[in-house]
N, C-alpha and C. Protein backbone atom coordinates (compact mmCIF):
# COMPACT_ATOMS: atom_id res chain seq x y z
N TRP A 1 -219.06 100.62 66.37
CA TRP A 1 -219.73 99.78 67.33
C TRP A 1 -220.25 98.50 66.66
N TRP A 2 -220.88 98.64 65.50
CA TRP A 2 -221.43 97.46 64.85
C TRP A 2 -220.34 96.56 64.30
N MET A 3 -219.18 97.12 63.97
CA MET A 3 -218.05 96.29 63.52
C MET A 3 -217.56 95.40 64.64
N LEU A 4 -217.52 95.96 65.84
CA LEU A 4 -217.12 95.18 67.01
C LEU A 4 -218.11 94.04 67.26
N CYS A 5 -219.39 94.32 67.10
CA CYS A 5 -220.42 93.29 67.27
C CYS A 5 -220.27 92.18 66.22
N ILE A 6 -220.00 92.57 64.98
CA ILE A 6 -219.79 91.57 63.93
C ILE A 6 -218.56 90.74 64.24
N LEU A 7 -217.48 91.40 64.66
CA LEU A 7 -216.24 90.70 65.00
C LEU A 7 -216.49 89.69 66.11
N LEU A 8 -217.19 90.09 67.15
CA LEU A 8 -217.46 89.18 68.27
C LEU A 8 -218.37 88.02 67.84
N TYR A 9 -219.39 88.32 67.03
CA TYR A 9 -220.28 87.27 66.56
C TYR A 9 -219.51 86.22 65.74
N VAL A 10 -218.72 86.67 64.79
CA VAL A 10 -217.99 85.72 63.94
C VAL A 10 -216.96 84.96 64.78
N ALA A 11 -216.28 85.65 65.69
CA ALA A 11 -215.29 84.98 66.54
C ALA A 11 -215.95 83.93 67.42
N LEU A 12 -217.10 84.23 67.99
CA LEU A 12 -217.78 83.26 68.84
C LEU A 12 -218.37 82.11 68.02
N ARG A 13 -218.88 82.42 66.86
CA ARG A 13 -219.50 81.39 66.02
C ARG A 13 -218.48 80.36 65.54
N PHE A 14 -217.27 80.82 65.23
CA PHE A 14 -216.24 79.92 64.70
C PHE A 14 -215.16 79.59 65.72
N LEU A 15 -215.33 80.06 66.95
CA LEU A 15 -214.47 79.72 68.09
C LEU A 15 -213.01 80.14 67.91
N HIS A 16 -212.77 81.11 67.05
CA HIS A 16 -211.43 81.65 66.85
C HIS A 16 -211.54 83.14 66.58
N LEU A 17 -210.75 83.92 67.28
CA LEU A 17 -210.79 85.37 67.10
C LEU A 17 -210.28 85.79 65.73
N ASP A 18 -209.36 85.00 65.16
CA ASP A 18 -208.81 85.38 63.86
C ASP A 18 -209.86 85.33 62.75
N PHE A 19 -210.84 84.44 62.84
CA PHE A 19 -211.92 84.44 61.85
C PHE A 19 -212.70 85.76 61.92
N GLY A 20 -212.94 86.24 63.13
CA GLY A 20 -213.65 87.51 63.29
C GLY A 20 -212.86 88.68 62.74
N PHE A 21 -211.58 88.76 63.10
CA PHE A 21 -210.74 89.85 62.60
C PHE A 21 -210.64 89.83 61.08
N ASP A 22 -210.49 88.65 60.52
CA ASP A 22 -210.30 88.55 59.08
C ASP A 22 -211.59 88.82 58.31
N GLY A 23 -212.71 88.40 58.85
CA GLY A 23 -214.00 88.71 58.22
C GLY A 23 -214.28 90.20 58.22
N VAL A 24 -214.02 90.85 59.35
CA VAL A 24 -214.23 92.30 59.44
C VAL A 24 -213.22 93.04 58.59
N SER A 25 -212.00 92.53 58.51
CA SER A 25 -210.98 93.18 57.67
C SER A 25 -211.39 93.17 56.21
N SER A 26 -211.92 92.04 55.74
CA SER A 26 -212.35 92.00 54.34
C SER A 26 -213.58 92.86 54.12
N LEU A 27 -214.45 92.96 55.11
CA LEU A 27 -215.62 93.84 55.03
C LEU A 27 -215.17 95.30 54.91
N ILE A 28 -214.23 95.69 55.75
CA ILE A 28 -213.70 97.07 55.70
C ILE A 28 -213.04 97.32 54.34
N HIS A 29 -212.30 96.35 53.83
CA HIS A 29 -211.67 96.47 52.52
C HIS A 29 -212.70 96.79 51.44
N ASP A 30 -213.81 96.07 51.45
CA ASP A 30 -214.83 96.26 50.42
C ASP A 30 -215.46 97.65 50.50
N VAL A 31 -215.75 98.10 51.70
CA VAL A 31 -216.36 99.41 51.87
C VAL A 31 -215.38 100.52 51.49
N VAL A 32 -214.11 100.35 51.84
CA VAL A 32 -213.10 101.36 51.51
C VAL A 32 -212.87 101.42 50.00
N VAL A 33 -212.82 100.27 49.34
CA VAL A 33 -212.64 100.26 47.88
C VAL A 33 -213.81 100.96 47.19
N ALA A 34 -215.02 100.62 47.61
CA ALA A 34 -216.20 101.25 46.99
C ALA A 34 -216.23 102.75 47.26
N THR A 35 -215.92 103.15 48.49
CA THR A 35 -215.88 104.58 48.82
C THR A 35 -214.79 105.29 48.03
N GLY A 36 -213.64 104.65 47.91
CA GLY A 36 -212.53 105.24 47.16
C GLY A 36 -212.87 105.45 45.70
N LEU A 37 -213.49 104.46 45.08
CA LEU A 37 -213.87 104.62 43.68
C LEU A 37 -214.99 105.62 43.49
N MET A 38 -215.87 105.73 44.47
CA MET A 38 -216.89 106.78 44.41
C MET A 38 -216.22 108.16 44.44
N CYS A 39 -215.22 108.31 45.29
CA CYS A 39 -214.51 109.60 45.38
C CYS A 39 -213.67 109.86 44.13
N LEU A 40 -213.00 108.82 43.62
CA LEU A 40 -212.17 109.00 42.43
C LEU A 40 -212.99 109.38 41.21
N THR A 41 -214.18 108.88 41.11
CA THR A 41 -215.03 109.20 39.97
C THR A 41 -215.93 110.41 40.24
N LYS A 42 -215.69 111.08 41.38
CA LYS A 42 -216.40 112.30 41.77
C LYS A 42 -217.92 112.10 41.84
N ARG A 43 -218.30 110.95 42.35
CA ARG A 43 -219.72 110.67 42.57
C ARG A 43 -220.07 111.05 44.00
N PRO A 44 -221.25 111.56 44.21
CA PRO A 44 -221.61 111.98 45.57
C PRO A 44 -221.87 110.77 46.48
N ILE A 45 -221.48 110.93 47.72
CA ILE A 45 -221.80 109.92 48.72
C ILE A 45 -222.93 110.49 49.56
N ASP A 46 -224.13 110.28 49.08
CA ASP A 46 -225.32 110.79 49.74
C ASP A 46 -226.02 109.64 50.45
N LEU A 47 -227.30 109.79 50.72
CA LEU A 47 -228.04 108.76 51.44
C LEU A 47 -228.09 107.44 50.66
N LEU A 48 -228.25 107.53 49.34
CA LEU A 48 -228.23 106.30 48.54
C LEU A 48 -226.84 105.67 48.52
N GLY A 49 -225.80 106.50 48.56
CA GLY A 49 -224.43 105.98 48.63
C GLY A 49 -224.17 105.25 49.94
N ILE A 50 -224.65 105.81 51.03
CA ILE A 50 -224.51 105.15 52.34
C ILE A 50 -225.29 103.84 52.34
N THR A 51 -226.47 103.85 51.73
CA THR A 51 -227.27 102.63 51.63
C THR A 51 -226.51 101.56 50.84
N ALA A 52 -225.88 101.96 49.75
CA ALA A 52 -225.11 101.02 48.95
C ALA A 52 -223.93 100.47 49.74
N LEU A 53 -223.24 101.33 50.50
CA LEU A 53 -222.09 100.89 51.30
C LEU A 53 -222.52 99.91 52.38
N LEU A 54 -223.66 100.15 53.02
CA LEU A 54 -224.15 99.21 54.04
C LEU A 54 -224.58 97.89 53.40
N THR A 55 -225.13 97.96 52.20
CA THR A 55 -225.49 96.74 51.48
C THR A 55 -224.24 95.94 51.13
N ILE A 56 -223.20 96.62 50.72
CA ILE A 56 -221.93 95.96 50.41
C ILE A 56 -221.37 95.29 51.66
N ALA A 57 -221.43 95.97 52.79
CA ALA A 57 -220.94 95.39 54.04
C ALA A 57 -221.71 94.12 54.40
N GLY A 58 -223.01 94.17 54.27
CA GLY A 58 -223.82 92.99 54.57
C GLY A 58 -223.55 91.84 53.63
N TYR A 59 -223.44 92.14 52.35
CA TYR A 59 -223.16 91.10 51.36
C TYR A 59 -221.79 90.49 51.61
N SER A 60 -220.82 91.32 51.91
CA SER A 60 -219.45 90.86 52.10
C SER A 60 -219.35 89.92 53.30
N ILE A 61 -219.92 90.32 54.42
CA ILE A 61 -219.79 89.48 55.61
C ILE A 61 -220.61 88.21 55.45
N ASN A 62 -221.72 88.28 54.75
CA ASN A 62 -222.52 87.07 54.50
C ASN A 62 -221.74 86.07 53.65
N ASP A 63 -221.13 86.54 52.59
CA ASP A 63 -220.36 85.67 51.71
C ASP A 63 -219.16 85.08 52.46
N THR A 64 -218.53 85.86 53.29
CA THR A 64 -217.40 85.38 54.08
C THR A 64 -217.85 84.31 55.06
N ILE A 65 -218.98 84.52 55.70
CA ILE A 65 -219.48 83.54 56.68
C ILE A 65 -219.85 82.23 56.00
N VAL A 66 -220.34 82.28 54.78
CA VAL A 66 -220.65 81.04 54.04
C VAL A 66 -219.38 80.21 53.86
N ILE A 67 -218.31 80.85 53.48
CA ILE A 67 -217.05 80.13 53.29
C ILE A 67 -216.51 79.65 54.64
N TYR A 68 -216.60 80.48 55.68
CA TYR A 68 -216.13 80.06 57.00
C TYR A 68 -216.95 78.89 57.53
N ASP A 69 -218.24 78.85 57.24
CA ASP A 69 -219.05 77.69 57.64
C ASP A 69 -218.54 76.42 56.96
N ARG A 70 -218.21 76.54 55.69
CA ARG A 70 -217.69 75.38 54.97
C ARG A 70 -216.34 74.96 55.54
N VAL A 71 -215.52 75.93 55.94
CA VAL A 71 -214.23 75.61 56.57
C VAL A 71 -214.48 74.83 57.85
N ARG A 72 -215.42 75.29 58.65
CA ARG A 72 -215.72 74.61 59.92
C ARG A 72 -216.21 73.18 59.67
N GLU A 73 -217.08 73.01 58.67
CA GLU A 73 -217.56 71.66 58.34
C GLU A 73 -216.42 70.76 57.88
N ASN A 74 -215.55 71.30 57.03
CA ASN A 74 -214.43 70.50 56.52
C ASN A 74 -213.40 70.21 57.59
N MET A 75 -213.28 71.07 58.58
CA MET A 75 -212.35 70.80 59.69
C MET A 75 -212.84 69.59 60.50
N ARG A 76 -214.14 69.45 60.62
CA ARG A 76 -214.70 68.29 61.33
C ARG A 76 -214.54 67.01 60.52
N LEU A 77 -214.69 67.13 59.20
CA LEU A 77 -214.64 65.94 58.35
C LEU A 77 -213.23 65.41 58.13
N SER A 78 -212.28 66.30 57.94
CA SER A 78 -210.90 65.85 57.67
C SER A 78 -209.97 66.45 58.71
N ARG A 79 -209.78 65.73 59.75
CA ARG A 79 -208.95 66.21 60.86
C ARG A 79 -207.45 66.12 60.56
N LYS A 80 -207.06 65.31 59.59
CA LYS A 80 -205.64 65.14 59.29
C LYS A 80 -205.09 66.22 58.36
N ALA A 81 -205.95 66.90 57.63
CA ALA A 81 -205.50 67.94 56.69
C ALA A 81 -205.13 69.20 57.46
N ASN A 82 -204.17 69.94 56.93
CA ASN A 82 -203.81 71.20 57.60
C ASN A 82 -204.78 72.30 57.19
N LEU A 83 -204.68 73.44 57.86
CA LEU A 83 -205.65 74.52 57.67
C LEU A 83 -205.64 75.05 56.25
N ALA A 84 -204.47 75.18 55.65
CA ALA A 84 -204.38 75.70 54.28
C ALA A 84 -205.11 74.79 53.29
N GLU A 85 -204.98 73.48 53.45
CA GLU A 85 -205.68 72.55 52.57
C GLU A 85 -207.18 72.62 52.78
N ILE A 86 -207.61 72.75 54.03
CA ILE A 86 -209.04 72.81 54.33
C ILE A 86 -209.64 74.10 53.77
N ILE A 87 -208.94 75.20 53.92
CA ILE A 87 -209.46 76.47 53.38
C ILE A 87 -209.50 76.44 51.87
N ASN A 88 -208.48 75.86 51.25
CA ASN A 88 -208.47 75.74 49.80
C ASN A 88 -209.64 74.89 49.32
N LEU A 89 -209.87 73.78 49.97
CA LEU A 89 -211.00 72.91 49.62
C LEU A 89 -212.33 73.64 49.82
N SER A 90 -212.45 74.35 50.91
CA SER A 90 -213.70 75.06 51.23
C SER A 90 -214.00 76.17 50.22
N VAL A 91 -212.97 76.93 49.87
CA VAL A 91 -213.16 78.01 48.89
C VAL A 91 -213.55 77.41 47.54
N ASN A 92 -212.91 76.31 47.15
CA ASN A 92 -213.24 75.67 45.88
C ASN A 92 -214.67 75.12 45.88
N GLN A 93 -215.11 74.60 47.03
CA GLN A 93 -216.48 74.08 47.12
C GLN A 93 -217.51 75.20 47.03
N CYS A 94 -217.18 76.37 47.54
CA CYS A 94 -218.12 77.50 47.56
C CYS A 94 -217.98 78.41 46.35
N LEU A 95 -216.96 78.20 45.54
CA LEU A 95 -216.68 79.13 44.45
C LEU A 95 -217.81 79.19 43.43
N GLY A 96 -218.39 78.07 43.08
CA GLY A 96 -219.50 78.06 42.14
C GLY A 96 -220.68 78.85 42.66
N ARG A 97 -221.03 78.65 43.92
CA ARG A 97 -222.13 79.39 44.54
C ARG A 97 -221.83 80.87 44.58
N THR A 98 -220.62 81.22 44.95
CA THR A 98 -220.22 82.62 45.03
C THR A 98 -220.31 83.29 43.66
N LEU A 99 -219.79 82.63 42.64
CA LEU A 99 -219.79 83.22 41.30
C LEU A 99 -221.20 83.33 40.73
N LEU A 100 -222.01 82.30 40.90
CA LEU A 100 -223.37 82.35 40.37
C LEU A 100 -224.20 83.43 41.06
N THR A 101 -224.10 83.50 42.36
CA THR A 101 -224.84 84.53 43.10
C THR A 101 -224.38 85.92 42.69
N SER A 102 -223.07 86.10 42.63
CA SER A 102 -222.52 87.42 42.31
C SER A 102 -222.85 87.83 40.87
N LEU A 103 -222.75 86.90 39.94
CA LEU A 103 -223.06 87.23 38.55
C LEU A 103 -224.53 87.58 38.38
N THR A 104 -225.41 86.88 39.08
CA THR A 104 -226.83 87.20 39.01
C THR A 104 -227.10 88.61 39.53
N VAL A 105 -226.50 88.93 40.67
CA VAL A 105 -226.69 90.26 41.24
C VAL A 105 -226.04 91.31 40.34
N MET A 106 -224.87 91.01 39.79
CA MET A 106 -224.19 91.99 38.93
C MET A 106 -224.97 92.26 37.65
N LEU A 107 -225.59 91.24 37.08
CA LEU A 107 -226.42 91.46 35.89
C LEU A 107 -227.60 92.38 36.21
N THR A 108 -228.20 92.18 37.36
CA THR A 108 -229.29 93.04 37.78
C THR A 108 -228.79 94.47 38.01
N LEU A 109 -227.63 94.60 38.63
CA LEU A 109 -227.06 95.93 38.87
C LEU A 109 -226.64 96.61 37.57
N LEU A 110 -226.15 95.85 36.61
CA LEU A 110 -225.81 96.44 35.31
C LEU A 110 -227.07 96.98 34.62
N ALA A 111 -228.17 96.24 34.71
CA ALA A 111 -229.43 96.72 34.13
C ALA A 111 -229.89 97.98 34.86
N LEU A 112 -229.75 97.99 36.18
CA LEU A 112 -230.12 99.17 36.97
C LEU A 112 -229.22 100.35 36.63
N PHE A 113 -227.94 100.08 36.44
CA PHE A 113 -226.98 101.13 36.07
C PHE A 113 -227.30 101.71 34.71
N GLN A 114 -227.65 100.85 33.77
CA GLN A 114 -227.91 101.29 32.41
C GLN A 114 -229.27 101.97 32.26
N PHE A 115 -230.30 101.42 32.88
CA PHE A 115 -231.66 101.89 32.64
C PHE A 115 -232.32 102.55 33.86
N GLY A 116 -231.61 102.65 34.97
CA GLY A 116 -232.22 103.12 36.21
C GLY A 116 -232.41 104.61 36.33
N GLY A 117 -231.83 105.37 35.48
CA GLY A 117 -231.96 106.82 35.57
C GLY A 117 -230.86 107.43 36.43
N THR A 118 -230.89 108.74 36.52
CA THR A 118 -229.81 109.45 37.22
C THR A 118 -229.81 109.21 38.72
N MET A 119 -230.98 109.00 39.31
CA MET A 119 -231.04 108.79 40.76
C MET A 119 -230.37 107.48 41.17
N LEU A 120 -230.53 106.46 40.37
CA LEU A 120 -230.00 105.14 40.72
C LEU A 120 -228.64 104.86 40.09
N HIS A 121 -228.15 105.77 39.28
CA HIS A 121 -226.88 105.56 38.59
C HIS A 121 -225.72 105.42 39.57
N ASP A 122 -225.60 106.37 40.49
CA ASP A 122 -224.51 106.32 41.47
C ASP A 122 -224.67 105.15 42.44
N PHE A 123 -225.90 104.88 42.83
CA PHE A 123 -226.19 103.76 43.72
C PHE A 123 -225.76 102.44 43.10
N SER A 124 -226.15 102.21 41.86
CA SER A 124 -225.81 100.94 41.21
C SER A 124 -224.31 100.86 40.91
N PHE A 125 -223.68 102.00 40.61
CA PHE A 125 -222.23 102.00 40.39
C PHE A 125 -221.50 101.57 41.66
N CYS A 126 -221.89 102.13 42.79
CA CYS A 126 -221.28 101.78 44.07
C CYS A 126 -221.48 100.31 44.39
N LEU A 127 -222.68 99.80 44.15
CA LEU A 127 -222.94 98.39 44.41
C LEU A 127 -222.15 97.48 43.47
N LEU A 128 -222.01 97.87 42.21
CA LEU A 128 -221.22 97.07 41.27
C LEU A 128 -219.77 96.98 41.72
N VAL A 129 -219.20 98.10 42.10
CA VAL A 129 -217.82 98.11 42.57
C VAL A 129 -217.69 97.27 43.84
N GLY A 130 -218.64 97.41 44.74
CA GLY A 130 -218.61 96.65 45.99
C GLY A 130 -218.78 95.16 45.78
N MET A 131 -219.59 94.78 44.80
CA MET A 131 -219.78 93.36 44.52
C MET A 131 -218.49 92.73 43.99
N VAL A 132 -217.85 93.40 43.07
CA VAL A 132 -216.59 92.89 42.53
C VAL A 132 -215.55 92.81 43.64
N SER A 133 -215.46 93.85 44.43
CA SER A 133 -214.52 93.87 45.54
C SER A 133 -214.88 92.81 46.59
N GLY A 134 -216.17 92.62 46.82
CA GLY A 134 -216.61 91.65 47.81
C GLY A 134 -216.27 90.22 47.44
N VAL A 135 -216.47 89.87 46.18
CA VAL A 135 -216.11 88.52 45.73
C VAL A 135 -214.61 88.32 45.83
N TYR A 136 -213.87 89.32 45.40
CA TYR A 136 -212.41 89.23 45.46
C TYR A 136 -211.93 89.08 46.89
N SER A 137 -212.43 89.91 47.79
CA SER A 137 -211.93 89.87 49.17
C SER A 137 -212.37 88.61 49.90
N THR A 138 -213.55 88.10 49.60
CA THR A 138 -214.00 86.87 50.25
C THR A 138 -213.13 85.69 49.85
N VAL A 139 -212.86 85.57 48.56
CA VAL A 139 -212.11 84.42 48.07
C VAL A 139 -210.62 84.56 48.34
N TYR A 140 -210.05 85.74 48.12
CA TYR A 140 -208.61 85.88 48.17
C TYR A 140 -208.06 86.54 49.44
N ILE A 141 -208.82 87.37 50.10
CA ILE A 141 -208.28 88.09 51.25
C ILE A 141 -208.66 87.43 52.57
N ALA A 142 -209.96 87.23 52.80
CA ALA A 142 -210.42 86.72 54.10
C ALA A 142 -209.83 85.34 54.39
N SER A 143 -209.84 84.47 53.40
CA SER A 143 -209.33 83.12 53.61
C SER A 143 -207.82 83.11 53.80
N ALA A 144 -207.12 83.91 53.03
CA ALA A 144 -205.66 83.97 53.15
C ALA A 144 -205.24 84.59 54.49
N LEU A 145 -206.03 85.54 54.98
CA LEU A 145 -205.70 86.14 56.27
C LEU A 145 -205.79 85.15 57.41
N VAL A 146 -206.74 84.23 57.35
CA VAL A 146 -206.86 83.20 58.39
C VAL A 146 -205.59 82.36 58.42
N ILE A 147 -205.13 81.96 57.26
CA ILE A 147 -203.89 81.16 57.19
C ILE A 147 -202.71 81.98 57.68
N SER A 148 -202.65 83.24 57.32
CA SER A 148 -201.54 84.10 57.74
C SER A 148 -201.53 84.30 59.25
N TRP A 149 -202.70 84.55 59.83
CA TRP A 149 -202.78 84.74 61.28
C TRP A 149 -202.38 83.47 62.02
N ARG A 150 -202.83 82.33 61.55
CA ARG A 150 -202.48 81.06 62.20
C ARG A 150 -200.99 80.79 62.08
N GLY A 151 -200.42 81.06 60.90
CA GLY A 151 -198.98 80.87 60.71
C GLY A 151 -198.17 81.81 61.55
N PHE A 152 -198.66 83.06 61.72
CA PHE A 152 -197.96 84.05 62.53
C PHE A 152 -197.95 83.62 63.99
N GLY A 153 -199.07 83.08 64.47
CA GLY A 153 -199.15 82.64 65.86
C GLY A 153 -198.23 81.47 66.14
N LYS A 154 -198.09 80.56 65.17
CA LYS A 154 -197.21 79.40 65.35
C LYS A 154 -195.75 79.82 65.36
N LYS A 155 -195.40 80.77 64.49
CA LYS A 155 -194.01 81.24 64.45
C LYS A 155 -193.66 81.97 65.73
N ALA A 156 -194.61 82.76 66.25
CA ALA A 156 -194.35 83.50 67.49
C ALA A 156 -194.23 82.55 68.67
N ALA A 157 -195.01 81.47 68.68
CA ALA A 157 -194.99 80.53 69.79
C ALA A 157 -193.70 79.72 69.80
N THR A 158 -193.13 79.42 68.64
CA THR A 158 -191.91 78.62 68.59
C THR A 158 -190.65 79.45 68.76
N ALA A 159 -190.77 80.76 68.62
CA ALA A 159 -189.57 81.61 68.72
C ALA A 159 -189.14 81.83 70.14
């Protein structure tokens, strides 16, 4: 239910349904990767694990929306550029912010992982995996999916 609400919010905010689908797709990717690595390493998915997964989902969609906002701003500024160029420019403009924010959080999570004790060990591991996956999916998956969806729609319309 909440995924549908996020999808509708992002689609309405950016006036395109593909932004909503792609943002939610990258969010699902991050949660599945973190859950999969928790299962592969035989770590329990308890209440702290669910908390970490929800934190990953929030971080992922927030980071994606920051880049989508920049895409929307750049679409207004340069109307002659195609979507791929605008998304590339937007991701490059946000990359420094994304890396600095993520590295700061990851350093804190590494300290929590190392010194947090057994209760916080699994929690911080899940968040570390989700942060790495979140940065990757925001930069490489969500943005590329927008271009792919737009290209797919144009090919279908001309066929």
